[in-house]
Amino acid sequence: MSTATKPLPRKKTLSSQVADALRARIDAGMYAPGDKLPAEPALVEKFGFSRTVIREAIATLRADGLVESRQGAGVFVLAPRPSPETLTLFTHATDKISDIIEELELRIGIEVEAAGLAAARSSPAQEAEIQTELDHFAELAAAGKPTDDADFRFHMAIAAATNNGRFRTFLEHIGRRMIPRVKFRTVMGGVDPLPNRDHIILAEHTQIAEAIFASDPDRARDAMRAHLLTGMQRYRAITTRNPPS
């Protein structure tokens, strides 16, 4: 097939480049809700573009509901919009182990494919971020410190490496409570009576990461599926135990 008529990718405008850079900083928490963005002259100096470009970029962020301009004060980052009602089931505290299992089943449908896409699309920088989160988990586990946040950030790094922002947005809506042991502690009144399995999780995370680094989508999907199924089986076993007499 001739490629003569294949459209060339559209180059982003300068204002779009600035808007994307600022949006990334907001998403990463470098500019938190309530923070004031640098003044216009500082942004001009930082990006090397004209005031018009900077103003267009800010207008884009304002249209997206990320920032607001306050007369005489500057431009401030807004808090995230409330999640739609259809997503409240992810953010509400659960009082059922069955909810944990159901959410793991849903995560399998999402994150298995995310791992495959990450293996096919990840950039060297994104792979470095996955490795950073893997190393951080290992350091915390070795020191006997809580690994919940590191666990979440590892999965978020993979979602980002899909280069499809909807995967990351979906996991952000679920939040850190998507980590099963976080929810289970809530069920158990703040105490997790199950044995610590950080070393097992680390090994599973390592297998996922290695498959992504090897650009092997099938192996990455298999590793992620095995990881989530192991967690599901762990909590399913609790529900099948005989209740105390």
Foldseek 3Di string as FASTA:
>chain_A
DDCPPPDDDDDDDLLVVLLVVVVVCDVVVVADAFRFDDDLVVSCVVSVDDSVSPVSSVVVCVVVVQWDQDPPPHIGGHHDDDDPPVLVLLVDADQDLVSLLVLLVVCLVQQLQLLLLLLQAADPVLLVQLVVLLVVLVVCVVVVHDCLVSLLSNSLSSNVSSVPCVSNVSSVSSPSPNPPVNSVCVNVVNDDPDDDDSVVLSVLSVQLSVSSVVSNSVSNSVSVNVNSVVVSVVSVVVVPDDDDD
